[in-house]
């Protein structure tokens, strides 16, 4: 699904399934990519939007980890 300038990925999977580890790599790779884009010479508003996306992805990963432990 595509929403303006943002890509939205909606996937429902069983948290006990083997595909989970593959899907966990998607946010990890995206976080690494976003961190590489942040630079002090860039517009602070742009950098802030990157940080918001990074924090959101980290929150998603923490929820996945918590769900796996339950």
PDB file of N, CA and C in Angstrom:
ATOM      1  N   UNK A   1       0.845  -1.163   0.000  1.00  0.00           N
ATOM      2  CA  UNK A   1       0.000   0.000   0.000  1.00  0.00           C
ATOM      3  C   UNK A   1       0.899   1.237   0.000  1.00  0.00           C
ATOM      4  N   UNK A   2       0.443   2.301  -0.614  1.00  0.00           N
ATOM      5  CA  UNK A   2       1.234   3.517  -0.717  1.00  0.00           C
ATOM      6  C   UNK A   2       0.382   4.682  -0.252  1.00  0.00           C
ATOM      7  N   UNK A   3       0.937   5.512   0.617  1.00  0.00           N
ATOM      8  CA  UNK A   3       0.202   6.638   1.170  1.00  0.00           C
ATOM      9  C   UNK A   3       1.038   7.899   0.984  1.00  0.00           C
ATOM     10  N   UNK A   4       0.774   8.669  -0.060  1.00  0.00           N
ATOM     11  CA  UNK A   4       1.547   9.888  -0.312  1.00  0.00           C
ATOM     12  C   UNK A   4       3.014   9.568  -0.493  1.00  0.00           C
ATOM     13  N   UNK A   5       3.845  10.176   0.347  1.00  0.00           N
ATOM     14  CA  UNK A   5       5.285   9.943   0.286  1.00  0.00           C
ATOM     15  C   UNK A   5       5.731   8.800   1.180  1.00  0.00           C
ATOM     16  N   UNK A   6       4.803   8.167   1.847  1.00  0.00           N
ATOM     17  CA  UNK A   6       5.154   7.112   2.782  1.00  0.00           C
ATOM     18  C   UNK A   6       4.711   5.753   2.262  1.00  0.00           C
ATOM     19  N   UNK A   7       5.593   4.792   2.413  1.00  0.00           N
ATOM     20  CA  UNK A   7       5.244   3.422   2.079  1.00  0.00           C
ATOM     21  C   UNK A   7       4.729   2.755   3.346  1.00  0.00           C
ATOM     22  N   UNK A   8       3.641   2.015   3.219  1.00  0.00           N
ATOM     23  CA  UNK A   8       3.061   1.326   4.361  1.00  0.00           C
ATOM     24  C   UNK A   8       3.090  -0.171   4.069  1.00  0.00           C
ATOM     25  N   UNK A   9       3.712  -0.911   4.972  1.00  0.00           N
ATOM     26  CA  UNK A   9       3.803  -2.353   4.833  1.00  0.00           C
ATOM     27  C   UNK A   9       2.901  -2.976   5.884  1.00  0.00           C
ATOM     28  N   UNK A  10       1.913  -3.709   5.441  1.00  0.00           N
ATOM     29  CA  UNK A  10       0.982  -4.349   6.363  1.00  0.00           C
ATOM     30  C   UNK A  10       1.070  -5.851   6.169  1.00  0.00           C
ATOM     31  N   UNK A  11       1.589  -6.536   7.193  1.00  0.00           N
ATOM     32  CA  UNK A  11       1.761  -7.984   7.108  1.00  0.00           C
ATOM     33  C   UNK A  11       1.260  -8.604   8.407  1.00  0.00           C
ATOM     34  N   UNK A  12       0.418  -9.612   8.283  1.00  0.00           N
ATOM     35  CA  UNK A  12      -0.027 -10.364   9.444  1.00  0.00           C
ATOM     36  C   UNK A  12       0.621 -11.734   9.375  1.00  0.00           C
ATOM     37  N   UNK A  13       1.409 -12.056  10.420  1.00  0.00           N
ATOM     38  CA  UNK A  13       2.064 -13.362  10.452  1.00  0.00           C
ATOM     39  C   UNK A  13       1.965 -13.932  11.858  1.00  0.00           C
ATOM     40  N   UNK A  14       2.113 -15.214  11.948  1.00  0.00           N
ATOM     41  CA  UNK A  14       2.143 -15.900  13.230  1.00  0.00           C
ATOM     42  C   UNK A  14       3.493 -15.602  13.879  1.00  0.00           C
ATOM     43  N   UNK A  15       3.485 -15.075  15.112  1.00  0.00           N
ATOM     44  CA  UNK A  15       4.740 -14.714  15.776  1.00  0.00           C
ATOM     45  C   UNK A  15       5.614 -15.924  16.071  1.00  0.00           C
ATOM     46  N   UNK A  16       5.044 -17.119  16.061  1.00  0.00           N
ATOM     47  CA  UNK A  16       5.839 -18.322  16.278  1.00  0.00           C
ATOM     48  C   UNK A  16       6.382 -18.882  14.964  1.00  0.00           C
ATOM     49  N   UNK A  17       6.036 -18.274  13.855  1.00  0.00           N
ATOM     50  CA  UNK A  17       6.441 -18.785  12.546  1.00  0.00           C
ATOM     51  C   UNK A  17       7.890 -18.484  12.233  1.00  0.00           C
ATOM     52  N   UNK A  18       8.453 -19.276  11.353  1.00  0.00           N
ATOM     53  CA  UNK A  18       9.855 -19.113  10.986  1.00  0.00           C
ATOM     54  C   UNK A  18      10.092 -17.880  10.114  1.00  0.00           C
ATOM     55  N   UNK A  19       9.029 -17.342   9.527  1.00  0.00           N
ATOM     56  CA  UNK A  19       9.179 -16.155   8.686  1.00  0.00           C
ATOM     57  C   UNK A  19       9.449 -14.895   9.494  1.00  0.00           C
ATOM     58  N   UNK A  20       9.199 -14.935  10.781  1.00  0.00           N
ATOM     59  CA  UNK A  20       9.347 -13.748  11.603  1.00  0.00           C
ATOM     60  C   UNK A  20      10.761 -13.181  11.544  1.00  0.00           C
ATOM     61  N   UNK A  21      11.761 -14.034  11.651  1.00  0.00           N
ATOM     62  CA  UNK A  21      13.138 -13.535  11.635  1.00  0.00           C
ATOM     63  C   UNK A  21      13.460 -12.845  10.316  1.00  0.00           C
ATOM     64  N   UNK A  22      12.892 -13.335   9.212  1.00  0.00           N
ATOM     65  CA  UNK A  22      13.097 -12.676   7.922  1.00  0.00           C
ATOM     66  C   UNK A  22      12.448 -11.298   7.907  1.00  0.00           C
ATOM     67  N   UNK A  23      11.252 -11.189   8.483  1.00  0.00           N
ATOM     68  CA  UNK A  23      10.552  -9.913   8.515  1.00  0.00           C
ATOM     69  C   UNK A  23      11.190  -8.932   9.489  1.00  0.00           C
ATOM     70  N   UNK A  24      11.846  -9.438  10.525  1.00  0.00           N
ATOM     71  CA  UNK A  24      12.535  -8.561  11.467  1.00  0.00           C
ATOM     72  C   UNK A  24      13.720  -7.857  10.807  1.00  0.00           C
ATOM     73  N   UNK A  25      14.276  -8.472   9.797  1.00  0.00           N
ATOM     74  CA  UNK A  25      15.407  -7.859   9.100  1.00  0.00           C
ATOM     75  C   UNK A  25      14.985  -6.619   8.317  1.00  0.00           C
ATOM     76  N   UNK A  26      13.741  -6.555   7.889  1.00  0.00           N
ATOM     77  CA  UNK A  26      13.274  -5.414   7.104  1.00  0.00           C
ATOM     78  C   UNK A  26      13.400  -4.126   7.909  1.00  0.00           C
ATOM     79  N   UNK A  27      12.834  -4.047   9.146  1.00  0.00           N
ATOM     80  CA  UNK A  27      13.008  -2.804   9.899  1.00  0.00           C
ATOM     81  C   UNK A  27      14.465  -2.535  10.282  1.00  0.00           C
ATOM     82  N   UNK A  28      15.221  -3.599  10.604  1.00  0.00           N
ATOM     83  CA  UNK A  28      16.631  -3.410  10.938  1.00  0.00           C
ATOM     84  C   UNK A  28      17.396  -2.782   9.774  1.00  0.00           C
ATOM     85  N   UNK A  29      17.165  -3.296   8.581  1.00  0.00           N
ATOM     86  CA  UNK A  29      17.835  -2.750   7.395  1.00  0.00           C
ATOM     87  C   UNK A  29      17.401  -1.316   7.133  1.00  0.00           C
ATOM     88  N   UNK A  30      16.119  -1.042   7.335  1.00  0.00           N
ATOM     89  CA  UNK A  30      15.596   0.310   7.119  1.00  0.00           C
ATOM     90  C   UNK A  30      16.203   1.292   8.131  1.00  0.00           C
ATOM     91  N   UNK A  31      16.327   0.869   9.389  1.00  0.00           N
ATOM     92  CA  UNK A  31      16.932   1.721  10.416  1.00  0.00           C
ATOM     93  C   UNK A  31      18.364   2.063  10.032  1.00  0.00           C
ATOM     94  N   UNK A  32      19.115   1.073   9.593  1.00  0.00           N
ATOM     95  CA  UNK A  32      20.506   1.302   9.183  1.00  0.00           C
ATOM     96  C   UNK A  32      20.571   2.292   8.020  1.00  0.00           C
ATOM     97  N   UNK A  33      19.669   2.130   7.046  1.00  0.00           N
ATOM     98  CA  UNK A  33      19.619   3.035   5.899  1.00  0.00           C
ATOM     99  C   UNK A  33      19.303   4.464   6.343  1.00  0.00           C
ATOM    100  N   UNK A  34      18.313   4.612   7.216  1.00  0.00           N
ATOM    101  CA  UNK A  34      17.909   5.937   7.684  1.00  0.00           C
ATOM    102  C   UNK A  34      19.031   6.617   8.467  1.00  0.00           C
ATOM    103  N   UNK A  35      19.713   5.862   9.314  1.00  0.00           N
ATOM    104  CA  UNK A  35      20.821   6.438  10.084  1.00  0.00           C
ATOM    105  C   UNK A  35      21.919   6.953   9.157  1.00  0.00           C
ATOM    106  N   UNK A  36      22.114   6.257   8.041  1.00  0.00           N
ATOM    107  CA  UNK A  36      23.122   6.686   7.075  1.00  0.00           C
ATOM    108  C   UNK A  36      22.739   7.970   6.354  1.00  0.00           C
ATOM    109  N   UNK A  37      21.469   8.316   6.347  1.00  0.00           N
ATOM    110  CA  UNK A  37      20.997   9.523   5.671  1.00  0.00           C
ATOM    111  C   UNK A  37      21.098  10.776   6.536  1.00  0.00           C
ATOM    112  N   UNK A  38      21.148  10.591   7.861  1.00  0.00           N
ATOM    113  CA  UNK A  38      21.188  11.738   8.762  1.00  0.00           C
ATOM    114  C   UNK A  38      22.564  12.398   8.678  1.00  0.00           C
ATOM    115  N   UNK A  39      22.558  13.713   8.510  1.00  0.00           N
ATOM    116  CA  UNK A  39      23.813  14.470   8.455  1.00  0.00           C
ATOM    117  C   UNK A  39      23.534  15.878   8.941  1.00  0.00           C
ATOM    118  N   UNK A  40      24.458  16.426   9.707  1.00  0.00           N
ATOM    119  CA  UNK A  40      24.250  17.751  10.299  1.00  0.00           C
ATOM    120  C   UNK A  40      24.105  18.857   9.266  1.00  0.00           C
ATOM    121  N   UNK A  41      24.592  18.643   8.050  1.00  0.00           N
ATOM    122  CA  UNK A  41      24.494  19.666   7.015  1.00  0.00           C
ATOM    123  C   UNK A  41      23.109  19.693   6.357  1.00  0.00           C
ATOM    124  N   UNK A  42      22.303  18.679   6.633  1.00  0.00           N
ATOM    125  CA  UNK A  42      20.966  18.613   6.035  1.00  0.00           C
ATOM    126  C   UNK A  42      19.975  19.436   6.851  1.00  0.00           C
ATOM    127  N   UNK A  43      18.838  19.679   6.260  1.00  0.00           N
ATOM    128  CA  UNK A  43      17.763  20.412   6.905  1.00  0.00           C
ATOM    129  C   UNK A  43      17.373  19.708   8.209  1.00  0.00           C
ATOM    130  N   UNK A  44      17.338  20.427   9.336  1.00  0.00           N
ATOM    131  CA  UNK A  44      16.986  19.803  10.621  1.00  0.00           C
ATOM    132  C   UNK A  44      15.605  19.140  10.611  1.00  0.00           C
ATOM    133  N   UNK A  45      14.680  19.698   9.872  1.00  0.00           N
ATOM    134  CA  UNK A  45      13.336  19.104   9.807  1.00  0.00           C
ATOM    135  C   UNK A  45      13.402  17.742   9.117  1.00  0.00           C
ATOM    136  N   UNK A  46      14.205  17.638   8.068  1.00  0.00           N
ATOM    137  CA  UNK A  46      14.392  16.357   7.371  1.00  0.00           C
ATOM    138  C   UNK A  46      15.024  15.343   8.322  1.00  0.00           C
ATOM    139  N   UNK A  47      16.070  15.755   9.026  1.00  0.00           N
ATOM    140  CA  UNK A  47      16.727  14.858   9.974  1.00  0.00           C
ATOM    141  C   UNK A  47      15.762  14.399  11.063  1.00  0.00           C
ATOM    142  N   UNK A  48      14.918  15.311  11.532  1.00  0.00           N
ATOM    143  CA  UNK A  48      13.936  14.966  12.563  1.00  0.00           C
ATOM    144  C   UNK A  48      12.942  13.928  12.040  1.00  0.00           C
ATOM    145  N   UNK A  49      12.524  14.070  10.796  1.00  0.00           N
ATOM    146  CA  UNK A  49      11.592  13.088  10.228  1.00  0.00           C
ATOM    147  C   UNK A  49      12.253  11.704  10.134  1.00  0.00           C
ATOM    148  N   UNK A  50      13.546  11.683   9.834  1.00  0.00           N
ATOM    149  CA  UNK A  50      14.265  10.408   9.800  1.00  0.00           C
ATOM    150  C   UNK A  50      14.330   9.800  11.198  1.00  0.00           C
ATOM    151  N   UNK A  51      14.587  10.629  12.201  1.00  0.00           N
ATOM    152  CA  UNK A  51      14.663  10.134  13.573  1.00  0.00           C
ATOM    153  C   UNK A  51      13.312   9.595  14.048  1.00  0.00           C
ATOM    154  N   UNK A  52      12.237  10.244  13.661  1.00  0.00           N
ATOM    155  CA  UNK A  52      10.906   9.762  14.029  1.00  0.00           C
ATOM    156  C   UNK A  52      10.651   8.386  13.418  1.00  0.00           C
ATOM    157  N   UNK A  53      11.037   8.211  12.165  1.00  0.00           N
ATOM    158  CA  UNK A  53      10.849   6.905  11.521  1.00  0.00           C
ATOM    159  C   UNK A  53      11.712   5.839  12.195  1.00  0.00           C
ATOM    160  N   UNK A  54      12.944   6.191  12.541  1.00  0.00           N
ATOM    161  CA  UNK A  54      13.836   5.246  13.229  1.00  0.00           C
ATOM    162  C   UNK A  54      13.233   4.836  14.566  1.00  0.00           C
ATOM    163  N   UNK A  55      12.762   5.808  15.341  1.00  0.00           N
ATOM    164  CA  UNK A  55      12.174   5.510  16.644  1.00  0.00           C
ATOM    165  C   UNK A  55      10.927   4.641  16.517  1.00  0.00           C
ATOM    166  N   UNK A  56      10.136   4.885  15.494  1.00  0.00           N
ATOM    167  CA  UNK A  56       8.941   4.078  15.259  1.00  0.00           C
ATOM    168  C   UNK A  56       9.313   2.636  14.939  1.00  0.00           C
ATOM    169  N   UNK A  57      10.295   2.451  14.084  1.00  0.00           N
ATOM    170  CA  UNK A  57      10.730   1.096  13.733  1.00  0.00           C
ATOM    171  C   UNK A  57      11.328   0.386  14.945  1.00  0.00           C
ATOM    172  N   UNK A  58      12.075   1.106  15.777  1.00  0.00           N
ATOM    173  CA  UNK A  58      12.628   0.506  16.985  1.00  0.00           C
ATOM    174  C   UNK A  58      11.510   0.081  17.937  1.00  0.00           C
ATOM    175  N   UNK A  59      10.458   0.876  18.019  1.00  0.00           N
ATOM    176  CA  UNK A  59       9.312   0.523  18.852  1.00  0.00           C
ATOM    177  C   UNK A  59       8.640  -0.749  18.341  1.00  0.00           C
ATOM    178  N   UNK A  60       8.470  -0.845  17.040  1.00  0.00           N
ATOM    179  CA  UNK A  60       7.878  -2.044  16.437  1.00  0.00           C
ATOM    180  C   UNK A  60       8.728  -3.271  16.765  1.00  0.00           C
ATOM    181  N   UNK A  61      10.035  -3.145  16.619  1.00  0.00           N
ATOM    182  CA  UNK A  61      10.923  -4.282  16.917  1.00  0.00           C
ATOM    183  C   UNK A  61      10.859  -4.670  18.393  1.00  0.00           C
ATOM    184  N   UNK A  62      10.761  -3.690  19.275  1.00  0.00           N
ATOM    185  CA  UNK A  62      10.677  -4.015  20.702  1.00  0.00           C
ATOM    186  C   UNK A  62       9.376  -4.749  21.017  1.00  0.00           C
ATOM    187  N   UNK A  63       8.280  -4.374  20.356  1.00  0.00           N
ATOM    188  CA  UNK A  63       7.008  -5.076  20.547  1.00  0.00           C
ATOM    189  C   UNK A  63       7.081  -6.504  20.010  1.00  0.00           C
ATOM    190  N   UNK A  64       7.746  -6.685  18.911  1.00  0.00           N
ATOM    191  CA  UNK A  64       7.913  -8.036  18.359  1.00  0.00           C
ATOM    192  C   UNK A  64       8.727  -8.889  19.314  1.00  0.00           C
ATOM    193  N   UNK A  65       9.829  -8.344  19.839  1.00  0.00           N
ATOM    194  CA  UNK A  65      10.644  -9.092  20.789  1.00  0.00           C
ATOM    195  C   UNK A  65       9.856  -9.471  22.029  1.00  0.00           C
ATOM    196  N   UNK A  66       9.083  -8.513  22.543  1.00  0.00           N
ATOM    197  CA  UNK A  66       8.264  -8.766  23.720  1.00  0.00           C
ATOM    198  C   UNK A  66       7.223  -9.858  23.448  1.00  0.00           C
ATOM    199  N   UNK A  67       6.624  -9.812  22.270  1.00  0.00           N
ATOM    200  CA  UNK A  67       5.608 -10.813  21.906  1.00  0.00           C
ATOM    201  C   UNK A  67       6.217 -12.190  21.783  1.00  0.00           C
ATOM    202  N   UNK A  68       7.444 -12.264  21.298  1.00  0.00           N
ATOM    203  CA  UNK A  68       8.110 -13.567  21.151  1.00  0.00           C
ATOM    204  C   UNK A  68       8.412 -14.171  22.518  1.00  0.00           C
ATOM    205  N   UNK A  69       8.638 -13.336  23.522  1.00  0.00           N
ATOM    206  CA  UNK A  69       8.981 -13.837  24.860  1.00  0.00           C
ATOM    207  C   UNK A  69       7.763 -14.318  25.629  1.00  0.00           C
ATOM    208  N   UNK A  70       6.578 -13.903  25.207  1.00  0.00           N
ATOM    209  CA  UNK A  70       5.345 -14.315  25.919  1.00  0.00           C
ATOM    210  C   UNK A  70       4.943 -15.716  25.605  1.00  0.00           C
TER     211      UNK A  70
END
